[in-house]
C-alpha atoms as a PDB file:
ATOM      1  CA  MET A   1      15.857 -17.006 -25.471  1.00  0.00           C
ATOM      2  CA  THR A   2      17.062 -16.821 -21.717  1.00  0.00           C
ATOM      3  CA  GLU A   3      15.312 -16.270 -18.090  1.00  0.00           C
ATOM      4  CA  VAL A   4      17.112 -13.040 -17.311  1.00  0.00           C
ATOM      5  CA  ILE A   5      14.897  -9.522 -18.210  1.00  0.00           C
ATOM      6  CA  LEU A   6      15.840  -6.087 -18.665  1.00  0.00           C
ATOM      7  CA  VAL A   7      13.373  -3.778 -16.550  1.00  0.00           C
ATOM      8  CA  MET A   8      13.342  -0.095 -16.855  1.00  0.00           C
ATOM      9  CA  VAL A   9      12.387   2.444 -14.501  1.00  0.00           C
ATOM     10  CA  THR A  10      11.877   6.597 -14.538  1.00  0.00           C
ATOM     11  CA  CYS A  11      12.578   8.763 -11.582  1.00  0.00           C
ATOM     12  CA  PRO A  12      12.281  11.885 -11.006  1.00  0.00           C
ATOM     13  CA  SER A  13      15.657  12.234  -8.906  1.00  0.00           C
ATOM     14  CA  ASN A  14      19.114  10.895  -8.633  1.00  0.00           C
ATOM     15  CA  ARG A  15      17.832  10.544  -5.009  1.00  0.00           C
ATOM     16  CA  GLU A  16      15.235   8.471  -5.302  1.00  0.00           C
ATOM     17  CA  ALA A  17      16.803   6.749  -8.293  1.00  0.00           C
ATOM     18  CA  GLU A  18      19.403   5.665  -5.609  1.00  0.00           C
ATOM     19  CA  GLU A  19      17.719   4.817  -2.610  1.00  0.00           C
ATOM     20  CA  ILE A  20      15.150   2.965  -4.915  1.00  0.00           C
ATOM     21  CA  ALA A  21      18.091   0.333  -6.435  1.00  0.00           C
ATOM     22  CA  GLY A  22      19.774   0.391  -2.924  1.00  0.00           C
ATOM     23  CA  THR A  23      16.481  -1.063  -1.419  1.00  0.00           C
ATOM     24  CA  LEU A  24      15.859  -3.565  -4.856  1.00  0.00           C
ATOM     25  CA  LEU A  25      19.628  -4.688  -4.356  1.00  0.00           C
ATOM     26  CA  SER A  26      19.663  -5.397  -0.799  1.00  0.00           C
ATOM     27  CA  GLU A  27      15.936  -7.392  -0.983  1.00  0.00           C
ATOM     28  CA  ARG A  28      17.701  -9.214  -3.625  1.00  0.00           C
ATOM     29  CA  LEU A  29      15.108  -8.424  -6.174  1.00  0.00           C
ATOM     30  CA  VAL A  30      17.476  -7.319  -8.873  1.00  0.00           C
ATOM     31  CA  ALA A  31      21.036  -8.244  -9.730  1.00  0.00           C
ATOM     32  CA  CYS A  32      22.330  -4.675 -10.972  1.00  0.00           C
ATOM     33  CA  VAL A  33      21.208  -1.827 -11.406  1.00  0.00           C
ATOM     34  CA  ASN A  34      22.665   1.342 -13.728  1.00  0.00           C
ATOM     35  CA  ILE A  35      21.476   4.607 -13.172  1.00  0.00           C
ATOM     36  CA  ALA A  36      21.627   6.516 -16.805  1.00  0.00           C
ATOM     37  CA  GLY A  37      22.367  10.016 -15.538  1.00  0.00           C
ATOM     38  CA  ARG A  38      19.031  12.430 -16.806  1.00  0.00           C
ATOM     39  CA  VAL A  39      16.962  11.665 -19.787  1.00  0.00           C
ATOM     40  CA  ARG A  40      14.372  14.078 -21.275  1.00  0.00           C
ATOM     41  CA  SER A  41      10.963  12.587 -20.796  1.00  0.00           C
ATOM     42  CA  LEU A  42       8.030  14.004 -22.714  1.00  0.00           C
ATOM     43  CA  PHE A  43       4.554  12.228 -22.039  1.00  0.00           C
ATOM     44  CA  ARG A  44       0.711  12.447 -21.995  1.00  0.00           C
ATOM     45  CA  TRP A  45      -0.385  12.810 -18.411  1.00  0.00           C
ATOM     46  CA  GLU A  46      -3.575  14.119 -17.291  1.00  0.00           C
ATOM     47  CA  GLY A  47      -5.038  15.571 -20.686  1.00  0.00           C
ATOM     48  CA  THR A  48      -1.308  17.739 -21.612  1.00  0.00           C
ATOM     49  CA  VAL A  49       1.833  16.775 -23.119  1.00  0.00           C
ATOM     50  CA  ALA A  50       4.401  16.732 -19.675  1.00  0.00           C
ATOM     51  CA  ARG A  51       8.022  17.278 -20.006  1.00  0.00           C
ATOM     52  CA  GLU A  52      10.128  16.216 -17.383  1.00  0.00           C
ATOM     53  CA  SER A  53      13.996  15.740 -16.853  1.00  0.00           C
ATOM     54  CA  GLU A  54      14.214  11.878 -15.453  1.00  0.00           C
ATOM     55  CA  SER A  55      16.829   9.696 -13.766  1.00  0.00           C
ATOM     56  CA  LEU A  56      16.319   6.513 -15.940  1.00  0.00           C
ATOM     57  CA  LEU A  57      17.089   2.853 -13.944  1.00  0.00           C
ATOM     58  CA  LEU A  58      18.065   0.036 -15.872  1.00  0.00           C
ATOM     59  CA  MET A  59      17.375  -3.371 -13.609  1.00  0.00           C
ATOM     60  CA  LYS A  60      18.566  -6.815 -14.682  1.00  0.00           C
ATOM     61  CA  THR A  61      16.595  -9.687 -12.959  1.00  0.00           C
ATOM     62  CA  ARG A  62      15.169 -12.883 -13.430  1.00  0.00           C
ATOM     63  CA  LYS A  63      11.617 -13.046 -15.337  1.00  0.00           C
ATOM     64  CA  ALA A  64      10.107 -14.994 -12.580  1.00  0.00           C
ATOM     65  CA  LEU A  65      10.625 -12.162 -10.260  1.00  0.00           C
ATOM     66  CA  PHE A  66       9.243  -9.673 -12.266  1.00  0.00           C
ATOM     67  CA  ASP A  67       5.203  -9.199 -10.819  1.00  0.00           C
ATOM     68  CA  ARG A  68       7.162  -8.899  -7.224  1.00  0.00           C
ATOM     69  CA  LEU A  69       9.411  -6.421  -8.143  1.00  0.00           C
ATOM     70  CA  ALA A  70       6.854  -4.535 -10.481  1.00  0.00           C
ATOM     71  CA  ARG A  71       4.652  -3.989  -6.770  1.00  0.00           C
ATOM     72  CA  ARG A  72       7.830  -3.055  -4.905  1.00  0.00           C
ATOM     73  CA  LEU A  73       8.458  -0.602  -6.991  1.00  0.00           C
ATOM     74  CA  GLY A  74       5.402   0.566  -7.202  1.00  0.00           C
ATOM     75  CA  GLU A  75       4.941   1.051  -2.737  1.00  0.00           C
ATOM     76  CA  LEU A  76       9.080   2.589  -3.471  1.00  0.00           C
ATOM     77  CA  HIS A  77       8.541   5.021  -5.907  1.00  0.00           C
ATOM     78  CA  SER A  78       6.898   8.754  -5.587  1.00  0.00           C
ATOM     79  CA  TYR A  79       5.430   8.605  -8.918  1.00  0.00           C
ATOM     80  CA  ASP A  80       1.279   7.617  -9.149  1.00  0.00           C
ATOM     81  CA  VAL A  81       2.058   5.625 -12.259  1.00  0.00           C
ATOM     82  CA  PRO A  82       5.500   4.605 -12.657  1.00  0.00           C
ATOM     83  CA  GLU A  83       7.016   3.403 -15.890  1.00  0.00           C
ATOM     84  CA  VAL A  84       7.796   0.145 -15.094  1.00  0.00           C
ATOM     85  CA  VAL A  85       8.722  -1.930 -18.180  1.00  0.00           C
ATOM     86  CA  ALA A  86      10.608  -5.252 -18.726  1.00  0.00           C
ATOM     87  CA  VAL A  87      12.293  -6.348 -22.052  1.00  0.00           C
ATOM     88  CA  PRO A  88      13.150 -10.025 -22.582  1.00  0.00           C
ATOM     89  CA  ILE A  89      17.155 -10.403 -22.873  1.00  0.00           C
ATOM     90  CA  VAL A  90      17.575 -12.984 -25.956  1.00  0.00           C
ATOM     91  CA  ALA A  91      21.328 -13.477 -25.745  1.00  0.00           C
ATOM     92  CA  GLY A  92      24.293 -12.237 -23.544  1.00  0.00           C
ATOM     93  CA  ASN A  93      27.413 -13.405 -21.979  1.00  0.00           C
ATOM     94  CA  GLU A  94      26.671 -16.626 -20.384  1.00  0.00           C
ATOM     95  CA  GLU A  95      28.947 -16.047 -16.996  1.00  0.00           C
ATOM     96  CA  TYR A  96      26.755 -12.360 -16.667  1.00  0.00           C
ATOM     97  CA  LEU A  97      23.594 -14.309 -17.101  1.00  0.00           C
ATOM     98  CA  ASN A  98      24.071 -16.502 -13.999  1.00  0.00           C
ATOM     99  CA  TRP A  99      25.463 -14.050 -12.108  1.00  0.00           C
ATOM    100  CA  VAL A 100      21.944 -12.308 -12.592  1.00  0.00           C
ATOM    101  CA  SER A 101      20.286 -15.320 -11.453  1.00  0.00           C
ATOM    102  CA  GLU A 102      22.553 -16.143  -8.679  1.00  0.00           C
ATOM    103  CA  ASN A 103      22.269 -12.868  -7.183  1.00  0.00           C
ATOM    104  CA  THR A 104      18.478 -12.571  -7.521  1.00  0.00           C
ATOM    105  CA  ARG A 105      16.100 -14.083  -4.810  1.00  0.00           C
ATOM    106  CA  ASP A 106      15.380 -17.732  -5.303  1.00  0.00           C
ATOM    107  CA  ASP A 107      12.733 -17.726  -2.714  1.00  0.00           C
ATOM    108  CA  ILE A 108       9.961 -17.453  -5.632  1.00  0.00           C
END
């Protein structure tokens, strides 16, 4: 198990996804963000099933930064309840994982 996690967030538009990614990178809360184009999302919201086209952000960061990252996403995101979920990276290219750690904040 590593200290690196993958955080997934959906956004209503590519523009918002780019803006959020740029801000989080400049603040060093994440080391890398992939914007995986448009995905089709179906979910329950306010008693009905919603169907939306969203942009998916795949962000790499350290587990120790998750709470700070989640709070910042709450400030930046246009959704009332943004999807912010993290999964552990159980193994990976050691050089890449070290790079993620080196390129995120160290003032936790």
